[in-house]
PDB file of N, CA and C in Angstrom:
ATOM      1  N   MET A   1      67.665  -5.326  46.256  1.00  0.00           N
ATOM      2  CA  MET A   1      69.124  -5.180  46.061  1.00  0.00           C
ATOM      3  C   MET A   1      69.803  -6.080  47.033  1.00  0.00           C
ATOM      4  N   LEU A   2      70.808  -6.971  46.650  1.00  0.00           N
ATOM      5  CA  LEU A   2      71.480  -7.789  47.431  1.00  0.00           C
ATOM      6  C   LEU A   2      72.840  -7.102  47.924  1.00  0.00           C
ATOM      7  N   ILE A   3      73.283  -7.348  49.049  1.00  0.00           N
ATOM      8  CA  ILE A   3      74.498  -7.003  49.655  1.00  0.00           C
ATOM      9  C   ILE A   3      75.558  -8.042  49.323  1.00  0.00           C
ATOM     10  N   LYS A   4      76.375  -7.884  48.314  1.00  0.00           N
ATOM     11  CA  LYS A   4      77.313  -8.836  47.836  1.00  0.00           C
ATOM     12  C   LYS A   4      78.834  -8.629  48.493  1.00  0.00           C
ATOM     13  N   SER A   5      78.747  -7.571  49.256  1.00  0.00           N
ATOM     14  CA  SER A   5      79.976  -7.446  50.004  1.00  0.00           C
ATOM     15  C   SER A   5      79.960  -7.871  51.408  1.00  0.00           C
ATOM     16  N   GLY A   6      78.865  -8.270  51.904  1.00  0.00           N
ATOM     17  CA  GLY A   6      78.636  -8.555  53.255  1.00  0.00           C
ATOM     18  C   GLY A   6      79.106 -10.074  53.578  1.00  0.00           C
ATOM     19  N   ILE A   7      79.172 -10.186  54.861  1.00  0.00           N
ATOM     20  CA  ILE A   7      79.774 -11.623  55.523  1.00  0.00           C
ATOM     21  C   ILE A   7      78.759 -12.614  54.857  1.00  0.00           C
ATOM     22  N   THR A   8      77.450 -12.501  55.097  1.00  0.00           N
ATOM     23  CA  THR A   8      76.506 -13.459  54.639  1.00  0.00           C
ATOM     24  C   THR A   8      76.734 -13.894  53.223  1.00  0.00           C
ATOM     25  N   TRP A   9      76.926 -13.027  52.250  1.00  0.00           N
ATOM     26  CA  TRP A   9      77.113 -13.341  50.858  1.00  0.00           C
ATOM     27  C   TRP A   9      78.475 -14.107  50.670  1.00  0.00           C
ATOM     28  N   ARG A  10      79.507 -13.726  51.370  1.00  0.00           N
ATOM     29  CA  ARG A  10      80.818 -14.381  51.195  1.00  0.00           C
ATOM     30  C   ARG A  10      80.798 -15.768  51.756  1.00  0.00           C
ATOM     31  N   GLN A  11      79.898 -16.039  52.739  1.00  0.00           N
ATOM     32  CA  GLN A  11      79.786 -17.383  53.417  1.00  0.00           C
ATOM     33  C   GLN A  11      78.794 -18.340  52.605  1.00  0.00           C
ATOM     34  N   LEU A  12      78.071 -17.792  51.618  1.00  0.00           N
ATOM     35  CA  LEU A  12      77.061 -18.600  50.925  1.00  0.00           C
ATOM     36  C   LEU A  12      77.766 -19.608  49.997  1.00  0.00           C
ATOM     37  N   GLU A  13      77.121 -20.689  49.793  1.00  0.00           N
ATOM     38  CA  GLU A  13      77.581 -21.739  48.896  1.00  0.00           C
ATOM     39  C   GLU A  13      77.488 -21.105  47.441  1.00  0.00           C
ATOM     40  N   ASP A  14      78.272 -21.642  46.488  1.00  0.00           N
ATOM     41  CA  ASP A  14      78.134 -21.126  45.111  1.00  0.00           C
ATOM     42  C   ASP A  14      76.799 -21.246  44.466  1.00  0.00           C
ATOM     43  N   ASN A  15      76.099 -22.461  44.928  1.00  0.00           N
ATOM     44  CA  ASN A  15      74.844 -22.759  44.506  1.00  0.00           C
ATOM     45  C   ASN A  15      73.738 -21.648  44.799  1.00  0.00           C
ATOM     46  N   ASP A  16      73.826 -21.125  46.016  1.00  0.00           N
ATOM     47  CA  ASP A  16      73.042 -20.020  46.481  1.00  0.00           C
ATOM     48  C   ASP A  16      73.336 -18.764  45.753  1.00  0.00           C
ATOM     49  N   LYS A  17      74.678 -18.454  45.607  1.00  0.00           N
ATOM     50  CA  LYS A  17      74.881 -17.368  44.732  1.00  0.00           C
ATOM     51  C   LYS A  17      74.526 -17.324  43.401  1.00  0.00           C
ATOM     52  N   ASN A  18      74.660 -18.462  42.781  1.00  0.00           N
ATOM     53  CA  ASN A  18      74.222 -18.617  41.379  1.00  0.00           C
ATOM     54  C   ASN A  18      72.634 -18.520  41.162  1.00  0.00           C
ATOM     55  N   ILE A  19      71.861 -18.743  42.247  1.00  0.00           N
ATOM     56  CA  ILE A  19      70.374 -18.683  41.933  1.00  0.00           C
ATOM     57  C   ILE A  19      69.980 -17.103  41.902  1.00  0.00           C
ATOM     58  N   ALA A  20      70.897 -16.246  42.396  1.00  0.00           N
ATOM     59  CA  ALA A  20      70.529 -14.895  42.492  1.00  0.00           C
ATOM     60  C   ALA A  20      70.801 -14.000  41.203  1.00  0.00           C
ATOM     61  N   THR A  21      70.747 -14.698  40.091  1.00  0.00           N
ATOM     62  CA  THR A  21      71.126 -14.040  38.910  1.00  0.00           C
ATOM     63  C   THR A  21      69.892 -13.188  38.316  1.00  0.00           C
ATOM     64  N   ASP A  22      68.736 -13.413  38.730  1.00  0.00           N
ATOM     65  CA  ASP A  22      67.654 -12.624  38.264  1.00  0.00           C
ATOM     66  C   ASP A  22      66.675 -12.408  39.366  1.00  0.00           C
ATOM     67  N   LEU A  23      65.589 -11.665  39.199  1.00  0.00           N
ATOM     68  CA  LEU A  23      64.780 -11.140  40.237  1.00  0.00           C
ATOM     69  C   LEU A  23      64.155 -12.356  41.075  1.00  0.00           C
ATOM     70  N   THR A  24      63.668 -13.408  40.246  1.00  0.00           N
ATOM     71  CA  THR A  24      63.034 -14.612  40.996  1.00  0.00           C
ATOM     72  C   THR A  24      64.142 -15.162  41.859  1.00  0.00           C
ATOM     73  N   GLY A  25      65.267 -15.409  41.380  1.00  0.00           N
ATOM     74  CA  GLY A  25      66.283 -16.091  42.197  1.00  0.00           C
ATOM     75  C   GLY A  25      66.653 -15.227  43.473  1.00  0.00           C
ATOM     76  N   ALA A  26      66.713 -13.937  43.144  1.00  0.00           N
ATOM     77  CA  ALA A  26      67.109 -12.949  44.364  1.00  0.00           C
ATOM     78  C   ALA A  26      66.191 -13.132  45.356  1.00  0.00           C
ATOM     79  N   ILE A  27      64.831 -13.108  45.040  1.00  0.00           N
ATOM     80  CA  ILE A  27      63.735 -13.140  45.978  1.00  0.00           C
ATOM     81  C   ILE A  27      63.814 -14.533  46.707  1.00  0.00           C
ATOM     82  N   GLU A  28      64.139 -15.611  45.967  1.00  0.00           N
ATOM     83  CA  GLU A  28      64.354 -16.936  46.626  1.00  0.00           C
ATOM     84  C   GLU A  28      65.455 -16.850  47.617  1.00  0.00           C
ATOM     85  N   LEU A  29      66.527 -16.244  47.233  1.00  0.00           N
ATOM     86  CA  LEU A  29      67.783 -16.179  48.235  1.00  0.00           C
ATOM     87  C   LEU A  29      67.404 -15.384  49.363  1.00  0.00           C
ATOM     88  N   ILE A  30      66.753 -14.303  49.201  1.00  0.00           N
ATOM     89  CA  ILE A  30      66.275 -13.394  50.218  1.00  0.00           C
ATOM     90  C   ILE A  30      65.495 -14.086  51.199  1.00  0.00           C
ATOM     91  N   LEU A  31      64.618 -14.918  50.761  1.00  0.00           N
ATOM     92  CA  LEU A  31      63.767 -15.650  51.680  1.00  0.00           C
ATOM     93  C   LEU A  31      64.438 -16.737  52.386  1.00  0.00           C
ATOM     94  N   LYS A  32      65.477 -17.282  51.834  1.00  0.00           N
ATOM     95  CA  LYS A  32      66.337 -18.260  52.578  1.00  0.00           C
ATOM     96  C   LYS A  32      67.277 -17.559  53.521  1.00  0.00           C
ATOM     97  N   LYS A  33      67.898 -16.395  53.158  1.00  0.00           N
ATOM     98  CA  LYS A  33      68.873 -15.740  53.862  1.00  0.00           C
ATOM     99  C   LYS A  33      68.573 -14.192  53.912  1.00  0.00           C
ATOM    100  N   PRO A  34      67.566 -13.686  54.680  1.00  0.00           N
ATOM    101  CA  PRO A  34      67.123 -12.225  54.662  1.00  0.00           C
ATOM    102  C   PRO A  34      68.347 -11.316  54.883  1.00  0.00           C
ATOM    103  N   SER A  35      69.457 -11.722  55.501  1.00  0.00           N
ATOM    104  CA  SER A  35      70.451 -10.746  55.752  1.00  0.00           C
ATOM    105  C   SER A  35      71.149 -10.344  54.521  1.00  0.00           C
ATOM    106  N   VAL A  36      71.095 -10.917  53.246  1.00  0.00           N
ATOM    107  CA  VAL A  36      71.684 -10.622  52.045  1.00  0.00           C
ATOM    108  C   VAL A  36      70.915  -9.394  51.345  1.00  0.00           C
ATOM    109  N   MET A  37      69.878  -9.014  52.006  1.00  0.00           N
ATOM    110  CA  MET A  37      68.986  -7.864  51.387  1.00  0.00           C
ATOM    111  C   MET A  37      69.426  -6.576  51.952  1.00  0.00           C
ATOM    112  N   LYS A  38      69.517  -5.631  51.183  1.00  0.00           N
ATOM    113  CA  LYS A  38      69.766  -4.284  51.748  1.00  0.00           C
ATOM    114  C   LYS A  38      68.632  -3.876  52.476  1.00  0.00           C
ATOM    115  N   ARG A  39      68.738  -2.957  53.338  1.00  0.00           N
ATOM    116  CA  ARG A  39      67.645  -2.468  54.255  1.00  0.00           C
ATOM    117  C   ARG A  39      66.522  -1.999  53.319  1.00  0.00           C
ATOM    118  N   PRO A  40      65.486  -2.742  53.334  1.00  0.00           N
ATOM    119  CA  PRO A  40      64.265  -2.355  52.399  1.00  0.00           C
ATOM    120  C   PRO A  40      63.466  -1.293  53.091  1.00  0.00           C
ATOM    121  N   ILE A  41      62.769  -0.505  52.414  1.00  0.00           N
ATOM    122  CA  ILE A  41      61.635   0.424  52.731  1.00  0.00           C
ATOM    123  C   ILE A  41      60.363  -0.262  52.283  1.00  0.00           C
ATOM    124  N   ILE A  42      59.644  -0.808  53.251  1.00  0.00           N
ATOM    125  CA  ILE A  42      58.423  -1.472  52.878  1.00  0.00           C
ATOM    126  C   ILE A  42      57.300  -0.437  52.989  1.00  0.00           C
ATOM    127  N   THR A  43      56.467  -0.322  51.788  1.00  0.00           N
ATOM    128  CA  THR A  43      55.317   0.458  51.838  1.00  0.00           C
ATOM    129  C   THR A  43      54.105  -0.222  51.560  1.00  0.00           C
ATOM    130  N   MET A  44      52.859   0.265  52.082  1.00  0.00           N
ATOM    131  CA  MET A  44      51.744  -0.295  51.688  1.00  0.00           C
ATOM    132  C   MET A  44      50.701   0.805  51.628  1.00  0.00           C
ATOM    133  N   ASN A  45      49.942   0.909  50.586  1.00  0.00           N
ATOM    134  CA  ASN A  45      48.980   1.927  50.400  1.00  0.00           C
ATOM    135  C   ASN A  45      49.725   3.336  50.536  1.00  0.00           C
ATOM    136  N   ASP A  46      50.842   3.588  49.962  1.00  0.00           N
ATOM    137  CA  ASP A  46      51.489   4.803  50.131  1.00  0.00           C
ATOM    138  C   ASP A  46      52.049   5.194  51.387  1.00  0.00           C
ATOM    139  N   LYS A  47      51.990   4.328  52.280  1.00  0.00           N
ATOM    140  CA  LYS A  47      52.472   4.562  53.694  1.00  0.00           C
ATOM    141  C   LYS A  47      53.716   3.764  54.025  1.00  0.00           C
ATOM    142  N   VAL A  48      54.775   4.133  54.666  1.00  0.00           N
ATOM    143  CA  VAL A  48      55.920   3.374  55.040  1.00  0.00           C
ATOM    144  C   VAL A  48      55.504   2.464  56.200  1.00  0.00           C
ATOM    145  N   ILE A  49      55.633   1.201  55.959  1.00  0.00           N
ATOM    146  CA  ILE A  49      55.444   0.242  56.914  1.00  0.00           C
ATOM    147  C   ILE A  49      56.582  -0.013  57.940  1.00  0.00           C
ATOM    148  N   THR A  50      57.687  -0.277  57.249  1.00  0.00           N
ATOM    149  CA  THR A  50      58.948  -0.430  58.007  1.00  0.00           C
ATOM    150  C   THR A  50      60.175  -0.126  57.153  1.00  0.00           C
ATOM    151  N   ILE A  51      61.233   0.231  57.798  1.00  0.00           N
ATOM    152  CA  ILE A  51      62.548   0.411  57.232  1.00  0.00           C
ATOM    153  C   ILE A  51      63.489  -0.686  57.746  1.00  0.00           C
ATOM    154  N   GLY A  52      63.927  -1.499  57.010  1.00  0.00           N
ATOM    155  CA  GLY A  52      64.797  -2.543  57.480  1.00  0.00           C
ATOM    156  C   GLY A  52      64.002  -3.882  57.379  1.00  0.00           C
ATOM    157  N   PHE A  53      64.754  -4.893  57.850  1.00  0.00           N
ATOM    158  CA  PHE A  53      64.020  -6.284  57.797  1.00  0.00           C
ATOM    159  C   PHE A  53      63.641  -6.632  59.203  1.00  0.00           C
ATOM    160  N   ASP A  54      62.395  -6.919  59.410  1.00  0.00           N
ATOM    161  CA  ASP A  54      61.884  -7.488  60.741  1.00  0.00           C
ATOM    162  C   ASP A  54      61.128  -8.699  60.446  1.00  0.00           C
ATOM    163  N   GLU A  55      61.669  -9.842  60.716  1.00  0.00           N
ATOM    164  CA  GLU A  55      60.883 -11.188  60.318  1.00  0.00           C
ATOM    165  C   GLU A  55      59.490 -11.281  60.940  1.00  0.00           C
ATOM    166  N   LYS A  56      59.428 -10.904  62.263  1.00  0.00           N
ATOM    167  CA  LYS A  56      58.042 -11.091  62.876  1.00  0.00           C
ATOM    168  C   LYS A  56      57.125 -10.082  62.282  1.00  0.00           C
ATOM    169  N   LEU A  57      57.541  -8.949  61.843  1.00  0.00           N
ATOM    170  CA  LEU A  57      56.523  -8.010  61.220  1.00  0.00           C
ATOM    171  C   LEU A  57      56.179  -8.485  59.823  1.00  0.00           C
ATOM    172  N   PHE A  58      57.105  -9.109  59.074  1.00  0.00           N
ATOM    173  CA  PHE A  58      56.873  -9.648  57.767  1.00  0.00           C
ATOM    174  C   PHE A  58      55.936 -10.752  57.899  1.00  0.00           C
ATOM    175  N   GLU A  59      56.123 -11.684  58.927  1.00  0.00           N
ATOM    176  CA  GLU A  59      55.241 -12.884  59.077  1.00  0.00           C
ATOM    177  C   GLU A  59      53.834 -12.376  59.388  1.00  0.00           C
ATOM    178  N   GLY A  60      53.638 -11.328  60.117  1.00  0.00           N
ATOM    179  CA  GLY A  60      52.340 -10.786  60.510  1.00  0.00           C
ATOM    180  C   GLY A  60      51.591 -10.045  59.349  1.00  0.00           C
ATOM    181  N   ILE A  61      52.406  -9.403  58.442  1.00  0.00           N
ATOM    182  CA  ILE A  61      51.772  -8.685  57.292  1.00  0.00           C
ATOM    183  C   ILE A  61      51.667  -9.637  56.048  1.00  0.00           C
ATOM    184  N   TYR A  62      52.677 -10.257  55.722  1.00  0.00           N
ATOM    185  CA  TYR A  62      52.800 -10.940  54.392  1.00  0.00           C
ATOM    186  C   TYR A  62      52.475 -12.441  54.402  1.00  0.00           C
ATOM    187  N   LEU A  63      52.527 -13.057  55.643  1.00  0.00           N
ATOM    188  CA  LEU A  63      52.173 -14.543  55.536  1.00  0.00           C
ATOM    189  C   LEU A  63      51.001 -14.862  56.224  1.00  0.00           C
TER     190      LEU A  63
END
């Protein structure tokens, strides 16, 4: 879910806003501007890994 009322969204170029019209585009935008994402709850194997976005944690787990 994207935060379309936040400062980050309002400051985006129209091109970036337009790519977020489907799941693939939303994911692409989140990767470019993580602050447009609402606080995620990330789970793995039915265990909560993190609540919120932590770039260093994501790099260690997912990249």
